[in-house]
PDB file of N, CA and C in Angstrom:
ATOM      1  N   MET A   1      83.042 117.291  60.711  1.00  0.00           N
ATOM      2  CA  MET A   1      82.605 117.132  59.233  1.00  0.00           C
ATOM      3  C   MET A   1      83.669 116.929  58.387  1.00  0.00           C
ATOM      4  N   ALA A   2      84.339 118.425  58.408  1.00  0.00           N
ATOM      5  CA  ALA A   2      85.577 118.807  57.563  1.00  0.00           C
ATOM      6  C   ALA A   2      86.725 117.355  57.480  1.00  0.00           C
ATOM      7  N   PHE A   3      86.771 116.704  58.994  1.00  0.00           N
ATOM      8  CA  PHE A   3      87.561 115.552  58.639  1.00  0.00           C
ATOM      9  C   PHE A   3      87.394 114.471  58.295  1.00  0.00           C
ATOM     10  N   ARG A   4      86.181 114.169  58.152  1.00  0.00           N
ATOM     11  CA  ARG A   4      85.111 112.561  58.007  1.00  0.00           C
ATOM     12  C   ARG A   4      85.501 112.711  56.132  1.00  0.00           C
ATOM     13  N   TYR A   5      84.667 113.986  55.898  1.00  0.00           N
ATOM     14  CA  TYR A   5      84.694 114.292  54.717  1.00  0.00           C
ATOM     15  C   TYR A   5      86.096 115.144  53.905  1.00  0.00           C
ATOM     16  N   SER A   6      87.470 114.450  53.931  1.00  0.00           N
ATOM     17  CA  SER A   6      88.360 115.433  53.267  1.00  0.00           C
ATOM     18  C   SER A   6      88.441 115.289  51.862  1.00  0.00           C
ATOM     19  N   TYR A   7      87.992 114.544  51.387  1.00  0.00           N
ATOM     20  CA  TYR A   7      88.428 115.111  49.869  1.00  0.00           C
ATOM     21  C   TYR A   7      87.819 115.870  48.972  1.00  0.00           C
ATOM     22  N   THR A   8      87.527 115.685  47.866  1.00  0.00           N
ATOM     23  CA  THR A   8      87.198 116.605  46.989  1.00  0.00           C
ATOM     24  C   THR A   8      86.665 115.904  45.849  1.00  0.00           C
ATOM     25  N   ALA A   9      85.468 115.256  45.059  1.00  0.00           N
ATOM     26  CA  ALA A   9      85.510 114.755  43.494  1.00  0.00           C
ATOM     27  C   ALA A   9      84.816 115.793  43.071  1.00  0.00           C
ATOM     28  N   THR A  10      84.912 115.381  41.834  1.00  0.00           N
ATOM     29  CA  THR A  10      84.693 116.329  40.672  1.00  0.00           C
ATOM     30  C   THR A  10      83.553 115.405  39.564  1.00  0.00           C
ATOM     31  N   MET A  11      82.430 115.946  39.073  1.00  0.00           N
ATOM     32  CA  MET A  11      81.831 114.989  37.977  1.00  0.00           C
ATOM     33  C   MET A  11      80.888 116.175  37.322  1.00  0.00           C
ATOM     34  N   THR A  12      80.497 115.885  36.253  1.00  0.00           N
ATOM     35  CA  THR A  12      79.627 116.738  34.974  1.00  0.00           C
ATOM     36  C   THR A  12      78.139 116.572  35.327  1.00  0.00           C
ATOM     37  N   GLN A  13      77.738 117.626  36.055  1.00  0.00           N
ATOM     38  CA  GLN A  13      76.314 117.659  36.242  1.00  0.00           C
ATOM     39  C   GLN A  13      75.685 118.049  35.105  1.00  0.00           C
ATOM     40  N   VAL A  14      74.443 117.336  34.605  1.00  0.00           N
ATOM     41  CA  VAL A  14      73.615 117.582  33.073  1.00  0.00           C
ATOM     42  C   VAL A  14      72.399 118.021  33.247  1.00  0.00           C
ATOM     43  N   ALA A  15      72.139 119.359  32.971  1.00  0.00           N
ATOM     44  CA  ALA A  15      70.607 120.152  33.005  1.00  0.00           C
ATOM     45  C   ALA A  15      69.763 119.250  31.984  1.00  0.00           C
ATOM     46  N   ARG A  16      68.400 119.321  32.098  1.00  0.00           N
ATOM     47  CA  ARG A  16      67.642 118.699  31.147  1.00  0.00           C
ATOM     48  C   ARG A  16      66.250 119.509  31.037  1.00  0.00           C
ATOM     49  N   ASP A  17      65.670 119.605  29.502  1.00  0.00           N
ATOM     50  CA  ASP A  17      64.412 120.187  29.794  1.00  0.00           C
ATOM     51  C   ASP A  17      63.384 119.378  29.899  1.00  0.00           C
ATOM     52  N   SER A  18      62.007 120.093  30.006  1.00  0.00           N
ATOM     53  CA  SER A  18      60.959 118.891  30.239  1.00  0.00           C
ATOM     54  C   SER A  18      60.950 117.803  29.348  1.00  0.00           C
ATOM     55  N   ASP A  19      61.387 117.802  27.842  1.00  0.00           N
ATOM     56  CA  ASP A  19      61.358 116.634  26.923  1.00  0.00           C
ATOM     57  C   ASP A  19      62.768 115.522  27.106  1.00  0.00           C
ATOM     58  N   ASP A  20      63.582 115.966  28.211  1.00  0.00           N
ATOM     59  CA  ASP A  20      64.823 115.147  28.284  1.00  0.00           C
ATOM     60  C   ASP A  20      65.838 115.515  27.588  1.00  0.00           C
ATOM     61  N   ASN A  21      65.390 116.159  26.946  1.00  0.00           N
ATOM     62  CA  ASN A  21      66.917 116.634  26.171  1.00  0.00           C
ATOM     63  C   ASN A  21      67.736 117.369  27.015  1.00  0.00           C
ATOM     64  N   ILE A  22      69.274 117.506  26.693  1.00  0.00           N
ATOM     65  CA  ILE A  22      70.283 117.874  27.557  1.00  0.00           C
ATOM     66  C   ILE A  22      70.492 119.356  26.882  1.00  0.00           C
ATOM     67  N   THR A  23      70.244 120.263  27.836  1.00  0.00           N
ATOM     68  CA  THR A  23      70.242 121.613  27.977  1.00  0.00           C
ATOM     69  C   THR A  23      71.934 122.234  28.073  1.00  0.00           C
ATOM     70  N   GLY A  24      72.631 121.650  28.885  1.00  0.00           N
ATOM     71  CA  GLY A  24      73.667 122.105  29.359  1.00  0.00           C
ATOM     72  C   GLY A  24      74.442 121.435  30.024  1.00  0.00           C
ATOM     73  N   SER A  25      75.886 121.915  30.726  1.00  0.00           N
ATOM     74  CA  SER A  25      76.484 120.721  31.679  1.00  0.00           C
ATOM     75  C   SER A  25      77.195 121.582  32.545  1.00  0.00           C
ATOM     76  N   SER A  26      77.678 121.444  33.495  1.00  0.00           N
ATOM     77  CA  SER A  26      78.377 121.927  34.055  1.00  0.00           C
ATOM     78  C   SER A  26      79.433 120.788  35.294  1.00  0.00           C
ATOM     79  N   GLU A  27      80.612 121.542  35.256  1.00  0.00           N
ATOM     80  CA  GLU A  27      81.627 120.949  36.472  1.00  0.00           C
ATOM     81  C   GLU A  27      81.214 120.982  37.919  1.00  0.00           C
ATOM     82  N   VAL A  28      81.105 120.273  38.744  1.00  0.00           N
ATOM     83  CA  VAL A  28      80.610 120.481  39.929  1.00  0.00           C
ATOM     84  C   VAL A  28      81.393 119.680  40.792  1.00  0.00           C
ATOM     85  N   SER A  29      81.747 120.165  42.322  1.00  0.00           N
ATOM     86  CA  SER A  29      82.667 119.841  43.394  1.00  0.00           C
ATOM     87  C   SER A  29      81.744 119.463  44.331  1.00  0.00           C
ATOM     88  N   PHE A  30      82.309 118.191  45.183  1.00  0.00           N
ATOM     89  CA  PHE A  30      81.465 117.719  46.227  1.00  0.00           C
ATOM     90  C   PHE A  30      82.584 117.261  47.146  1.00  0.00           C
ATOM     91  N   ALA A  31      82.237 117.181  48.693  1.00  0.00           N
ATOM     92  CA  ALA A  31      83.238 116.891  49.856  1.00  0.00           C
ATOM     93  C   ALA A  31      82.658 115.291  49.469  1.00  0.00           C
ATOM     94  N   CYS A  32      83.548 114.550  50.171  1.00  0.00           N
ATOM     95  CA  CYS A  32      83.706 112.939  50.439  1.00  0.00           C
ATOM     96  C   CYS A  32      84.231 112.064  50.840  1.00  0.00           C
ATOM     97  N   ASP A  33      84.229 110.830  51.483  1.00  0.00           N
ATOM     98  CA  ASP A  33      85.615 110.281  51.632  1.00  0.00           C
ATOM     99  C   ASP A  33      85.669 109.071  50.469  1.00  0.00           C
ATOM    100  N   TYR A  34      86.932 109.188  50.003  1.00  0.00           N
ATOM    101  CA  TYR A  34      87.475 108.546  49.187  1.00  0.00           C
ATOM    102  C   TYR A  34      88.017 106.945  49.818  1.00  0.00           C
ATOM    103  N   GLN A  35      87.509 105.701  49.091  1.00  0.00           N
ATOM    104  CA  GLN A  35      87.961 104.491  49.977  1.00  0.00           C
ATOM    105  C   GLN A  35      88.571 103.858  48.663  1.00  0.00           C
ATOM    106  N   PRO A  36      89.876 103.746  48.328  1.00  0.00           N
ATOM    107  CA  PRO A  36      90.291 102.860  47.201  1.00  0.00           C
ATOM    108  C   PRO A  36      91.016 101.429  47.557  1.00  0.00           C
ATOM    109  N   ASN A  37      90.371 101.248  48.736  1.00  0.00           N
ATOM    110  CA  ASN A  37      90.841  99.763  49.164  1.00  0.00           C
ATOM    111  C   ASN A  37      90.037  98.696  48.273  1.00  0.00           C
ATOM    112  N   VAL A  38      89.145  99.042  47.608  1.00  0.00           N
ATOM    113  CA  VAL A  38      87.859  98.207  47.174  1.00  0.00           C
ATOM    114  C   VAL A  38      87.979  97.813  45.684  1.00  0.00           C
ATOM    115  N   ASN A  39      89.393  98.156  45.460  1.00  0.00           N
ATOM    116  CA  ASN A  39      90.058  97.633  44.135  1.00  0.00           C
ATOM    117  C   ASN A  39      90.166  96.179  43.571  1.00  0.00           C
ATOM    118  N   ASN A  40      89.627  96.035  42.994  1.00  0.00           N
ATOM    119  CA  ASN A  40      89.444  94.360  42.125  1.00  0.00           C
ATOM    120  C   ASN A  40      88.210  93.768  42.895  1.00  0.00           C
ATOM    121  N   THR A  41      87.297  94.967  43.398  1.00  0.00           N
ATOM    122  CA  THR A  41      85.997  94.099  43.893  1.00  0.00           C
ATOM    123  C   THR A  41      84.916  94.194  43.012  1.00  0.00           C
ATOM    124  N   SER A  42      84.265  93.350  42.815  1.00  0.00           N
ATOM    125  CA  SER A  42      83.049  93.304  41.750  1.00  0.00           C
ATOM    126  C   SER A  42      81.749  93.467  42.391  1.00  0.00           C
ATOM    127  N   ILE A  43      80.718  94.319  42.009  1.00  0.00           N
ATOM    128  CA  ILE A  43      79.643  93.996  42.912  1.00  0.00           C
ATOM    129  C   ILE A  43      78.632  93.825  41.608  1.00  0.00           C
ATOM    130  N   ASN A  44      77.276  93.118  41.900  1.00  0.00           N
ATOM    131  CA  ASN A  44      76.139  92.728  41.131  1.00  0.00           C
ATOM    132  C   ASN A  44      75.256  94.006  40.940  1.00  0.00           C
ATOM    133  N   VAL A  45      75.438  94.384  39.557  1.00  0.00           N
ATOM    134  CA  VAL A  45      74.518  95.306  38.961  1.00  0.00           C
ATOM    135  C   VAL A  45      73.696  95.018  37.945  1.00  0.00           C
ATOM    136  N   ALA A  46      72.273  94.805  38.051  1.00  0.00           N
ATOM    137  CA  ALA A  46      71.509  94.388  37.081  1.00  0.00           C
ATOM    138  C   ALA A  46      71.824  93.272  36.227  1.00  0.00           C
ATOM    139  N   GLY A  47      72.427  92.105  37.392  1.00  0.00           N
ATOM    140  CA  GLY A  47      72.329  90.980  36.880  1.00  0.00           C
ATOM    141  C   GLY A  47      74.094  90.527  36.169  1.00  0.00           C
ATOM    142  N   SER A  48      74.876  91.607  36.054  1.00  0.00           N
ATOM    143  CA  SER A  48      75.845  91.757  35.591  1.00  0.00           C
ATOM    144  C   SER A  48      77.096  91.834  36.678  1.00  0.00           C
ATOM    145  N   ASN A  49      78.012  91.249  36.773  1.00  0.00           N
ATOM    146  CA  ASN A  49      79.280  91.890  38.065  1.00  0.00           C
ATOM    147  C   ASN A  49      80.361  92.776  37.037  1.00  0.00           C
ATOM    148  N   VAL A  50      80.268  94.137  37.869  1.00  0.00           N
ATOM    149  CA  VAL A  50      80.870  95.236  37.640  1.00  0.00           C
ATOM    150  C   VAL A  50      82.348  95.454  38.583  1.00  0.00           C
ATOM    151  N   PRO A  51      83.487  95.552  37.988  1.00  0.00           N
ATOM    152  CA  PRO A  51      84.813  95.823  38.740  1.00  0.00           C
ATOM    153  C   PRO A  51      84.526  97.108  39.241  1.00  0.00           C
ATOM    154  N   ILE A  52      84.753  97.114  40.447  1.00  0.00           N
ATOM    155  CA  ILE A  52      84.965  98.294  41.181  1.00  0.00           C
ATOM    156  C   ILE A  52      86.296  98.962  41.228  1.00  0.00           C
ATOM    157  N   ALA A  53      86.508 100.210  40.927  1.00  0.00           N
ATOM    158  CA  ALA A  53      88.157 101.240  40.990  1.00  0.00           C
ATOM    159  C   ALA A  53      87.945 101.497  42.693  1.00  0.00           C
ATOM    160  N   TYR A  54      87.111 102.485  43.185  1.00  0.00           N
ATOM    161  CA  TYR A  54      86.896 102.789  44.438  1.00  0.00           C
ATOM    162  C   TYR A  54      85.586 102.789  44.707  1.00  0.00           C
ATOM    163  N   GLN A  55      85.449 103.610  46.251  1.00  0.00           N
ATOM    164  CA  GLN A  55      84.226 103.952  46.431  1.00  0.00           C
ATOM    165  C   GLN A  55      84.260 105.164  47.061  1.00  0.00           C
ATOM    166  N   LEU A  56      83.081 105.939  46.911  1.00  0.00           N
ATOM    167  CA  LEU A  56      83.105 107.360  47.619  1.00  0.00           C
ATOM    168  C   LEU A  56      81.925 107.482  48.737  1.00  0.00           C
ATOM    169  N   PHE A  57      81.887 108.151  49.700  1.00  0.00           N
ATOM    170  CA  PHE A  57      80.901 108.172  50.644  1.00  0.00           C
ATOM    171  C   PHE A  57      80.493 109.813  50.755  1.00  0.00           C
ATOM    172  N   VAL A  58      79.332 110.203  50.393  1.00  0.00           N
ATOM    173  CA  VAL A  58      79.153 111.631  50.056  1.00  0.00           C
ATOM    174  C   VAL A  58      77.991 111.899  51.404  1.00  0.00           C
ATOM    175  N   PRO A  59      78.464 112.978  52.208  1.00  0.00           N
ATOM    176  CA  PRO A  59      77.303 113.709  53.220  1.00  0.00           C
ATOM    177  C   PRO A  59      76.236 113.902  52.906  1.00  0.00           C
ATOM    178  N   LYS A  60      75.352 113.392  53.574  1.00  0.00           N
ATOM    179  CA  LYS A  60      73.748 113.944  53.318  1.00  0.00           C
ATOM    180  C   LYS A  60      73.503 115.430  52.999  1.00  0.00           C
ATOM    181  N   SER A  61      74.824 116.167  53.202  1.00  0.00           N
ATOM    182  CA  SER A  61      74.307 117.853  53.098  1.00  0.00           C
ATOM    183  C   SER A  61      74.282 117.984  51.684  1.00  0.00           C
ATOM    184  N   VAL A  62      75.339 116.925  50.416  1.00  0.00           N
ATOM    185  CA  VAL A  62      75.627 117.095  49.348  1.00  0.00           C
ATOM    186  C   VAL A  62      74.184 116.765  48.761  1.00  0.00           C
ATOM    187  N   THR A  63      73.496 117.093  47.856  1.00  0.00           N
ATOM    188  CA  THR A  63      72.117 117.131  47.328  1.00  0.00           C
ATOM    189  C   THR A  63      72.181 117.133  45.659  1.00  0.00           C
ATOM    190  N   TYR A  64      73.371 116.557  45.308  1.00  0.00           N
ATOM    191  CA  TYR A  64      73.062 116.423  43.737  1.00  0.00           C
ATOM    192  C   TYR A  64      73.049 114.980  43.359  1.00  0.00           C
ATOM    193  N   GLU A  65      72.393 114.582  42.476  1.00  0.00           N
ATOM    194  CA  GLU A  65      71.788 113.397  41.920  1.00  0.00           C
ATOM    195  C   GLU A  65      73.336 112.790  41.332  1.00  0.00           C
ATOM    196  N   PHE A  66      73.541 111.675  41.397  1.00  0.00           N
ATOM    197  CA  PHE A  66      74.364 110.523  41.077  1.00  0.00           C
ATOM    198  C   PHE A  66      74.172 109.823  40.070  1.00  0.00           C
ATOM    199  N   PRO A  67      73.722 109.726  39.027  1.00  0.00           N
ATOM    200  CA  PRO A  67      73.591 109.123  37.903  1.00  0.00           C
ATOM    201  C   PRO A  67      74.549 108.051  37.498  1.00  0.00           C
ATOM    202  N   ILE A  68      73.924 106.975  37.351  1.00  0.00           N
ATOM    203  CA  ILE A  68      75.172 105.656  36.745  1.00  0.00           C
ATOM    204  C   ILE A  68      75.529 106.436  35.574  1.00  0.00           C
ATOM    205  N   GLY A  69      76.914 105.896  34.889  1.00  0.00           N
ATOM    206  CA  GLY A  69      77.460 106.279  33.746  1.00  0.00           C
ATOM    207  C   GLY A  69      77.987 108.009  34.007  1.00  0.00           C
ATOM    208  N   THR A  70      77.693 108.385  35.090  1.00  0.00           N
ATOM    209  CA  THR A  70      78.511 109.881  34.984  1.00  0.00           C
ATOM    210  C   THR A  70      79.773 109.749  35.558  1.00  0.00           C
ATOM    211  N   ASP A  71      80.684 110.304  34.686  1.00  0.00           N
ATOM    212  CA  ASP A  71      81.985 110.160  34.927  1.00  0.00           C
ATOM    213  C   ASP A  71      82.412 111.071  36.278  1.00  0.00           C
ATOM    214  N   VAL A  72      83.718 110.652  36.924  1.00  0.00           N
ATOM    215  CA  VAL A  72      83.816 111.189  38.367  1.00  0.00           C
ATOM    216  C   VAL A  72      85.354 111.239  38.654  1.00  0.00           C
ATOM    217  N   ILE A  73      86.074 111.927  39.326  1.00  0.00           N
ATOM    218  CA  ILE A  73      87.676 112.017  39.495  1.00  0.00           C
ATOM    219  C   ILE A  73      87.713 112.272  41.185  1.00  0.00           C
ATOM    220  N   CYS A  74      88.340 111.715  41.817  1.00  0.00           N
ATOM    221  CA  CYS A  74      88.454 111.804  42.869  1.00  0.00           C
ATOM    222  C   CYS A  74      90.047 111.274  43.178  1.00  0.00           C
ATOM    223  N   ASN A  75      90.832 112.110  44.170  1.00  0.00           N
ATOM    224  CA  ASN A  75      92.248 111.898  44.086  1.00  0.00           C
ATOM    225  C   ASN A  75      92.692 111.297  42.962  1.00  0.00           C
ATOM    226  N   GLY A  76      92.665 111.847  41.824  1.00  0.00           N
ATOM    227  CA  GLY A  76      93.202 111.620  40.610  1.00  0.00           C
ATOM    228  C   GLY A  76      92.771 110.816  40.052  1.00  0.00           C
ATOM    229  N   SER A  77      91.896 109.858  40.723  1.00  0.00           N
ATOM    230  CA  SER A  77      91.354 108.576  39.813  1.00  0.00           C
ATOM    231  C   SER A  77      89.721 108.750  39.654  1.00  0.00           C
ATOM    232  N   LYS A  78      90.305 108.606  37.826  1.00  0.00           N
ATOM    233  CA  LYS A  78      88.799 108.785  37.018  1.00  0.00           C
ATOM    234  C   LYS A  78      88.068 107.532  36.708  1.00  0.00           C
ATOM    235  N   GLY A  79      86.777 107.569  36.594  1.00  0.00           N
ATOM    236  CA  GLY A  79      86.034 106.363  36.822  1.00  0.00           C
ATOM    237  C   GLY A  79      84.831 106.883  36.133  1.00  0.00           C
ATOM    238  N   SER A  80      83.688 106.034  36.430  1.00  0.00           N
ATOM    239  CA  SER A  80      81.963 106.167  36.155  1.00  0.00           C
ATOM    240  C   SER A  80      81.211 105.634  37.389  1.00  0.00           C
ATOM    241  N   ILE A  81      80.484 106.259  37.343  1.00  0.00           N
ATOM    242  CA  ILE A  81      79.666 105.649  38.475  1.00  0.00           C
ATOM    243  C   ILE A  81      78.852 104.383  37.816  1.00  0.00           C
ATOM    244  N   ALA A  82      78.741 103.318  38.778  1.00  0.00           N
ATOM    245  CA  ALA A  82      78.404 101.997  38.490  1.00  0.00           C
ATOM    246  C   ALA A  82      77.013 101.845  39.182  1.00  0.00           C
ATOM    247  N   LEU A  83      77.018 102.735  40.670  1.00  0.00           N
ATOM    248  CA  LEU A  83      75.827 102.664  41.274  1.00  0.00           C
ATOM    249  C   LEU A  83      75.855 103.280  42.156  1.00  0.00           C
ATOM    250  N   SER A  84      74.977 103.738  42.590  1.00  0.00           N
ATOM    251  CA  SER A  84      74.868 104.667  43.794  1.00  0.00           C
ATOM    252  C   SER A  84      73.836 104.506  45.063  1.00  0.00           C
ATOM    253  N   VAL A  85      74.203 104.711  45.877  1.00  0.00           N
ATOM    254  CA  VAL A  85      73.000 104.328  47.191  1.00  0.00           C
ATOM    255  C   VAL A  85      72.783 105.094  47.937  1.00  0.00           C
ATOM    256  N   LEU A  86      71.480 105.897  48.102  1.00  0.00           N
ATOM    257  CA  LEU A  86      71.144 106.791  49.137  1.00  0.00           C
ATOM    258  C   LEU A  86      70.908 105.984  50.623  1.00  0.00           C
ATOM    259  N   GLY A  87      71.835 106.510  51.606  1.00  0.00           N
ATOM    260  CA  GLY A  87      71.324 105.521  53.000  1.00  0.00           C
ATOM    261  C   GLY A  87      71.056 106.733  53.930  1.00  0.00           C
ATOM    262  N   LYS A  88      71.039 106.608  55.081  1.00  0.00           N
ATOM    263  CA  LYS A  88      70.906 107.356  56.224  1.00  0.00           C
ATOM    264  C   LYS A  88      71.600 108.294  56.238  1.00  0.00           C
ATOM    265  N   PHE A  89      72.775 108.325  56.112  1.00  0.00           N
ATOM    266  CA  PHE A  89      74.011 108.914  56.300  1.00  0.00           C
ATOM    267  C   PHE A  89      74.373 109.916  55.394  1.00  0.00           C
ATOM    268  N   GLY A  90      74.071 109.214  54.330  1.00  0.00           N
ATOM    269  CA  GLY A  90      74.330 110.086  52.913  1.00  0.00           C
ATOM    270  C   GLY A  90      74.382 108.877  51.737  1.00  0.00           C
ATOM    271  N   THR A  91      75.086 109.294  50.794  1.00  0.00           N
ATOM    272  CA  THR A  91      75.231 108.621  49.664  1.00  0.00           C
ATOM    273  C   THR A  91      76.236 107.737  49.164  1.00  0.00           C
ATOM    274  N   GLU A  92      76.337 106.578  48.935  1.00  0.00           N
ATOM    275  CA  GLU A  92      77.425 105.712  48.874  1.00  0.00           C
ATOM    276  C   GLU A  92      77.608 105.260  47.341  1.00  0.00           C
ATOM    277  N   ILE A  93      78.709 105.406  46.705  1.00  0.00           N
ATOM    278  CA  ILE A  93      79.203 105.599  45.008  1.00  0.00           C
ATOM    279  C   ILE A  93      79.829 104.642  44.656  1.00  0.00           C
ATOM    280  N   TYR A  94      79.629 103.640  43.859  1.00  0.00           N
ATOM    281  CA  TYR A  94      80.744 102.834  43.556  1.00  0.00           C
ATOM    282  C   TYR A  94      81.179 103.166  42.335  1.00  0.00           C
ATOM    283  N   VAL A  95      82.399 103.088  42.190  1.00  0.00           N
ATOM    284  CA  VAL A  95      82.986 103.727  40.616  1.00  0.00           C
ATOM    285  C   VAL A  95      83.712 102.725  40.191  1.00  0.00           C
ATOM    286  N   LYS A  96      83.471 102.641  39.053  1.00  0.00           N
ATOM    287  CA  LYS A  96      84.272 101.569  38.188  1.00  0.00           C
ATOM    288  C   LYS A  96      85.257 102.290  37.219  1.00  0.00           C
ATOM    289  N   GLY A  97      86.187 101.876  36.561  1.00  0.00           N
ATOM    290  CA  GLY A  97      87.464 102.415  36.404  1.00  0.00           C
ATOM    291  C   GLY A  97      87.562 102.405  34.881  1.00  0.00           C
TER     292      GLY A  97
END
């Protein structure tokens, strides 16, 4: 597994109370597979074409939520999550620049 998910990404995880108010945040890191070759690709999100800077594949063992709009950094590339899709083998994350 270490060979397959050899990159580390970082994002801000937000904690919320029962009224959905933000009560704090912390930086979290997680293992992933970084795919920069999707640069200049667009995906359809809610009827809009969104240009994608890179894609991350996250193993199923990572249990964080990946909300749309969350800032993420991997391999020096910064962006925000445009779409995350939970699949059989883990989460596929599309990041816009």
